[in-house]
Amino acid sequence: MLVLLAGIFVVHIATVIMLFVSTIANVWMVGSSNVGMASSGLWLLCNKTCEQLPVSRYDDASLKAVQAFMILSIIFSVVALVMFIVQLFTLEKGKRFYITGAIMLVCWMCILIGVSIYTARFTGRMPGFTNSHHGYCFILAWICFCFSFIIGILYLVLRKK
């Protein structure tokens, strides 16, 4: 049981780190142009230099929603990690990690909403660039989606021994 809890703890920390990286780095979409490779993220469009992400008025609210949900997912993931540590030392034997699991499932929902909005609105849309495809941050966000769901369910099922 101790090995299982340690494994979940390590995966949870890895999920938090991957959420930070996927939200901060600007490699959600990658494309090429006559100047070279370019990447866009949630914050900037980077070619040789980085500049503010050009977003139409129609897509501005969607981008702000993606940014907000990704930030919320980081916050909920960190809060769930802290709650797990607190519950690990204060919870009575035989009790389940309900609070930690619920917070982690809220994190899962935030990732789902944020990445789904990005997928629906911004996939393949890099004006002026050809051969655009998803970057590693987009893939990391979907990996975090899977990990946070698995971790959330495991927290709900596990008992403190």
C-alpha atoms as a PDB file:
ATOM      1  CA  MET A   1       0.000   0.000   0.000  1.00  0.00           C
ATOM      2  CA  LEU A   2       2.845   2.358   0.813  1.00  0.00           C
ATOM      3  CA  VAL A   3       4.408   1.695  -2.589  1.00  0.00           C
ATOM      4  CA  LEU A   4       1.074   2.426  -4.284  1.00  0.00           C
ATOM      5  CA  LEU A   5       0.660   5.715  -2.399  1.00  0.00           C
ATOM      6  CA  ALA A   6       4.234   6.699  -3.242  1.00  0.00           C
ATOM      7  CA  GLY A   7       3.624   5.881  -6.902  1.00  0.00           C
ATOM      8  CA  ILE A   8       0.453   7.966  -6.987  1.00  0.00           C
ATOM      9  CA  PHE A   9       2.300  10.808  -5.273  1.00  0.00           C
ATOM     10  CA  VAL A  10       5.079  10.709  -7.900  1.00  0.00           C
ATOM     11  CA  VAL A  11       2.570  10.640 -10.774  1.00  0.00           C
ATOM     12  CA  HIS A  12       0.696  13.530  -9.169  1.00  0.00           C
ATOM     13  CA  ILE A  13       3.879  15.606  -8.951  1.00  0.00           C
ATOM     14  CA  ALA A  14       4.679  14.734 -12.584  1.00  0.00           C
ATOM     15  CA  THR A  15       1.176  15.837 -13.574  1.00  0.00           C
ATOM     16  CA  VAL A  16       1.602  19.183 -11.817  1.00  0.00           C
ATOM     17  CA  ILE A  17       4.937  19.758 -13.565  1.00  0.00           C
ATOM     18  CA  MET A  18       3.505  18.802 -16.971  1.00  0.00           C
ATOM     19  CA  LEU A  19       0.536  21.131 -16.401  1.00  0.00           C
ATOM     20  CA  PHE A  20       2.914  23.996 -15.635  1.00  0.00           C
ATOM     21  CA  VAL A  21       4.972  23.270 -18.753  1.00  0.00           C
ATOM     22  CA  SER A  22       1.982  22.880 -21.059  1.00  0.00           C
ATOM     23  CA  THR A  23       0.407  26.115 -19.834  1.00  0.00           C
ATOM     24  CA  ILE A  24       3.527  28.270 -19.803  1.00  0.00           C
ATOM     25  CA  ALA A  25       5.361  27.126 -22.961  1.00  0.00           C
ATOM     26  CA  ASN A  26       4.160  28.423 -26.315  1.00  0.00           C
ATOM     27  CA  VAL A  27       4.196  25.258 -28.407  1.00  0.00           C
ATOM     28  CA  TRP A  28       0.540  24.268 -28.697  1.00  0.00           C
ATOM     29  CA  MET A  29       0.591  24.606 -32.512  1.00  0.00           C
ATOM     30  CA  VAL A  30       3.668  24.437 -34.737  1.00  0.00           C
ATOM     31  CA  GLY A  31       3.833  25.520 -38.374  1.00  0.00           C
ATOM     32  CA  SER A  32       6.328  26.484 -41.036  1.00  0.00           C
ATOM     33  CA  SER A  33       6.618  29.537 -43.272  1.00  0.00           C
ATOM     34  CA  ASN A  34       9.144  31.032 -45.659  1.00  0.00           C
ATOM     35  CA  VAL A  35      10.961  32.518 -42.637  1.00  0.00           C
ATOM     36  CA  GLY A  36      11.179  29.226 -40.731  1.00  0.00           C
ATOM     37  CA  MET A  37       9.359  27.336 -38.024  1.00  0.00           C
ATOM     38  CA  ALA A  38       6.868  29.119 -35.783  1.00  0.00           C
ATOM     39  CA  SER A  39       4.917  28.057 -32.755  1.00  0.00           C
ATOM     40  CA  SER A  40       1.900  29.453 -30.980  1.00  0.00           C
ATOM     41  CA  GLY A  41       0.683  28.774 -27.503  1.00  0.00           C
ATOM     42  CA  LEU A  42      -1.813  30.228 -25.109  1.00  0.00           C
ATOM     43  CA  TRP A  43       0.112  33.461 -24.692  1.00  0.00           C
ATOM     44  CA  LEU A  44       2.527  34.212 -27.568  1.00  0.00           C
ATOM     45  CA  LEU A  45       3.279  33.543 -31.224  1.00  0.00           C
ATOM     46  CA  CYS A  46       6.971  32.760 -31.573  1.00  0.00           C
ATOM     47  CA  ASN A  47       8.982  32.753 -34.792  1.00  0.00           C
ATOM     48  CA  LYS A  48      12.454  34.167 -34.371  1.00  0.00           C
ATOM     49  CA  THR A  49      11.036  36.521 -31.768  1.00  0.00           C
ATOM     50  CA  CYS A  50       7.886  36.221 -29.709  1.00  0.00           C
ATOM     51  CA  GLU A  51       4.966  38.592 -30.005  1.00  0.00           C
ATOM     52  CA  GLN A  52       1.437  38.855 -28.705  1.00  0.00           C
ATOM     53  CA  LEU A  53      -0.790  36.124 -30.094  1.00  0.00           C
ATOM     54  CA  PRO A  54      -2.914  37.628 -32.904  1.00  0.00           C
ATOM     55  CA  VAL A  55      -6.474  36.535 -32.158  1.00  0.00           C
ATOM     56  CA  SER A  56      -9.628  37.759 -33.832  1.00  0.00           C
ATOM     57  CA  ARG A  57     -12.299  39.429 -31.776  1.00  0.00           C
ATOM     58  CA  TYR A  58     -14.452  36.355 -32.365  1.00  0.00           C
ATOM     59  CA  ASP A  59     -11.880  33.979 -30.825  1.00  0.00           C
ATOM     60  CA  ASP A  60     -10.653  36.230 -28.012  1.00  0.00           C
ATOM     61  CA  ALA A  61     -13.186  34.950 -25.465  1.00  0.00           C
ATOM     62  CA  SER A  62     -12.334  31.337 -26.344  1.00  0.00           C
ATOM     63  CA  LEU A  63      -8.621  31.954 -25.827  1.00  0.00           C
ATOM     64  CA  LYS A  64      -9.252  33.654 -22.486  1.00  0.00           C
ATOM     65  CA  ALA A  65     -11.411  30.682 -21.430  1.00  0.00           C
ATOM     66  CA  VAL A  66      -8.642  28.217 -22.342  1.00  0.00           C
ATOM     67  CA  GLN A  67      -6.109  30.291 -20.416  1.00  0.00           C
ATOM     68  CA  ALA A  68      -8.398  30.489 -17.384  1.00  0.00           C
ATOM     69  CA  PHE A  69      -9.225  26.775 -17.318  1.00  0.00           C
ATOM     70  CA  MET A  70      -5.590  25.756 -17.682  1.00  0.00           C
ATOM     71  CA  ILE A  71      -4.600  28.054 -14.811  1.00  0.00           C
ATOM     72  CA  LEU A  72      -7.480  26.695 -12.731  1.00  0.00           C
ATOM     73  CA  SER A  73      -6.334  23.152 -13.440  1.00  0.00           C
ATOM     74  CA  ILE A  74      -2.863  23.985 -12.124  1.00  0.00           C
ATOM     75  CA  ILE A  75      -4.354  25.534  -8.996  1.00  0.00           C
ATOM     76  CA  PHE A  76      -6.654  22.571  -8.320  1.00  0.00           C
ATOM     77  CA  SER A  77      -3.854  20.087  -8.939  1.00  0.00           C
ATOM     78  CA  VAL A  78      -1.555  21.834  -6.462  1.00  0.00           C
ATOM     79  CA  VAL A  79      -4.380  22.115  -3.909  1.00  0.00           C
ATOM     80  CA  ALA A  80      -5.114  18.392  -4.332  1.00  0.00           C
ATOM     81  CA  LEU A  81      -1.438  17.586  -3.766  1.00  0.00           C
ATOM     82  CA  VAL A  82      -1.380  19.652  -0.577  1.00  0.00           C
ATOM     83  CA  MET A  83      -4.654  18.087   0.592  1.00  0.00           C
ATOM     84  CA  PHE A  84      -3.237  14.606  -0.032  1.00  0.00           C
ATOM     85  CA  ILE A  85      -0.237  15.374   2.151  1.00  0.00           C
ATOM     86  CA  VAL A  86      -2.483  16.851   4.860  1.00  0.00           C
ATOM     87  CA  GLN A  87      -4.870  13.892   4.729  1.00  0.00           C
ATOM     88  CA  LEU A  88      -1.976  11.452   4.759  1.00  0.00           C
ATOM     89  CA  PHE A  89      -0.972  12.690   8.203  1.00  0.00           C
ATOM     90  CA  THR A  90      -4.379  13.574   9.693  1.00  0.00           C
ATOM     91  CA  LEU A  91      -6.785  10.983   8.279  1.00  0.00           C
ATOM     92  CA  GLU A  92      -7.768   8.059  10.475  1.00  0.00           C
ATOM     93  CA  LYS A  93      -6.911   4.531   9.361  1.00  0.00           C
ATOM     94  CA  GLY A  94      -9.446   2.973   7.024  1.00  0.00           C
ATOM     95  CA  LYS A  95     -10.773   6.305   5.730  1.00  0.00           C
ATOM     96  CA  ARG A  96     -10.678   7.266   2.064  1.00  0.00           C
ATOM     97  CA  PHE A  97      -9.086  10.299   0.415  1.00  0.00           C
ATOM     98  CA  TYR A  98     -12.447  11.736  -0.728  1.00  0.00           C
ATOM     99  CA  ILE A  99     -11.483  15.414  -0.610  1.00  0.00           C
ATOM    100  CA  THR A 100      -8.256  14.890  -2.541  1.00  0.00           C
ATOM    101  CA  GLY A 101     -10.022  12.760  -5.144  1.00  0.00           C
ATOM    102  CA  ALA A 102     -12.824  15.292  -5.593  1.00  0.00           C
ATOM    103  CA  ILE A 103     -10.384  18.176  -6.032  1.00  0.00           C
ATOM    104  CA  MET A 104      -8.371  16.156  -8.540  1.00  0.00           C
ATOM    105  CA  LEU A 105     -11.517  15.366 -10.531  1.00  0.00           C
ATOM    106  CA  VAL A 106     -12.306  19.108 -10.613  1.00  0.00           C
ATOM    107  CA  CYS A 107      -8.792  19.582 -12.017  1.00  0.00           C
ATOM    108  CA  TRP A 108      -9.593  16.894 -14.589  1.00  0.00           C
ATOM    109  CA  MET A 109     -12.747  18.756 -15.636  1.00  0.00           C
ATOM    110  CA  CYS A 110     -10.840  22.042 -15.995  1.00  0.00           C
ATOM    111  CA  ILE A 111      -8.267  20.375 -18.242  1.00  0.00           C
ATOM    112  CA  LEU A 112     -11.036  18.760 -20.287  1.00  0.00           C
ATOM    113  CA  ILE A 113     -12.867  22.039 -20.806  1.00  0.00           C
ATOM    114  CA  GLY A 114      -9.734  24.060 -21.587  1.00  0.00           C
ATOM    115  CA  VAL A 115      -8.176  21.635 -24.041  1.00  0.00           C
ATOM    116  CA  SER A 116     -11.526  20.891 -25.691  1.00  0.00           C
ATOM    117  CA  ILE A 117     -12.136  24.583 -26.340  1.00  0.00           C
ATOM    118  CA  TYR A 118      -8.638  24.909 -27.791  1.00  0.00           C
ATOM    119  CA  THR A 119      -9.187  21.851 -29.974  1.00  0.00           C
ATOM    120  CA  ALA A 120     -12.501  23.164 -31.284  1.00  0.00           C
ATOM    121  CA  ARG A 121     -11.410  26.755 -31.927  1.00  0.00           C
ATOM    122  CA  PHE A 122      -7.694  26.821 -32.677  1.00  0.00           C
ATOM    123  CA  THR A 123      -6.594  23.477 -34.115  1.00  0.00           C
ATOM    124  CA  GLY A 124      -4.883  23.943 -37.479  1.00  0.00           C
ATOM    125  CA  ARG A 125      -5.424  27.707 -37.462  1.00  0.00           C
ATOM    126  CA  MET A 126      -2.104  29.448 -37.867  1.00  0.00           C
ATOM    127  CA  PRO A 127      -2.707  32.111 -40.522  1.00  0.00           C
ATOM    128  CA  GLY A 128       0.228  32.574 -42.860  1.00  0.00           C
ATOM    129  CA  PHE A 129       1.799  29.249 -41.937  1.00  0.00           C
ATOM    130  CA  THR A 130       1.703  25.943 -43.722  1.00  0.00           C
ATOM    131  CA  ASN A 131       1.939  22.393 -42.479  1.00  0.00           C
ATOM    132  CA  SER A 132       0.662  23.274 -39.004  1.00  0.00           C
ATOM    133  CA  HIS A 133       0.340  20.531 -36.410  1.00  0.00           C
ATOM    134  CA  HIS A 134       0.025  20.156 -32.654  1.00  0.00           C
ATOM    135  CA  GLY A 135       3.031  20.848 -30.487  1.00  0.00           C
ATOM    136  CA  TYR A 136       4.231  19.081 -27.391  1.00  0.00           C
ATOM    137  CA  CYS A 137       2.295  21.343 -24.990  1.00  0.00           C
ATOM    138  CA  PHE A 138      -1.024  20.303 -26.504  1.00  0.00           C
ATOM    139  CA  ILE A 139      -0.038  16.643 -26.173  1.00  0.00           C
ATOM    140  CA  LEU A 140       1.167  17.184 -22.592  1.00  0.00           C
ATOM    141  CA  ALA A 141      -2.189  18.747 -21.718  1.00  0.00           C
ATOM    142  CA  TRP A 142      -4.029  15.647 -22.960  1.00  0.00           C
ATOM    143  CA  ILE A 143      -1.608  13.390 -21.046  1.00  0.00           C
ATOM    144  CA  CYS A 144      -2.327  15.429 -17.903  1.00  0.00           C
ATOM    145  CA  PHE A 145      -6.031  14.962 -18.617  1.00  0.00           C
ATOM    146  CA  CYS A 146      -5.586  11.188 -18.513  1.00  0.00           C
ATOM    147  CA  PHE A 147      -3.303  11.205 -15.479  1.00  0.00           C
ATOM    148  CA  SER A 148      -5.538  13.508 -13.439  1.00  0.00           C
ATOM    149  CA  PHE A 149      -8.569  11.287 -14.084  1.00  0.00           C
ATOM    150  CA  ILE A 150      -6.697   8.142 -13.072  1.00  0.00           C
ATOM    151  CA  ILE A 151      -5.220   9.816  -9.985  1.00  0.00           C
ATOM    152  CA  GLY A 152      -8.595  11.266  -8.977  1.00  0.00           C
ATOM    153  CA  ILE A 153     -10.304   7.870  -9.192  1.00  0.00           C
ATOM    154  CA  LEU A 154      -7.465   6.170  -7.316  1.00  0.00           C
ATOM    155  CA  TYR A 155      -7.677   8.755  -4.517  1.00  0.00           C
ATOM    156  CA  LEU A 156     -11.409   8.056  -4.195  1.00  0.00           C
ATOM    157  CA  VAL A 157     -10.880   4.286  -4.057  1.00  0.00           C
ATOM    158  CA  LEU A 158      -7.813   4.068  -1.825  1.00  0.00           C
ATOM    159  CA  ARG A 159      -8.036   3.737   1.937  1.00  0.00           C
ATOM    160  CA  LYS A 160      -5.416   4.827   4.427  1.00  0.00           C
ATOM    161  CA  LYS A 161      -3.861   1.762   6.038  1.00  0.00           C
END
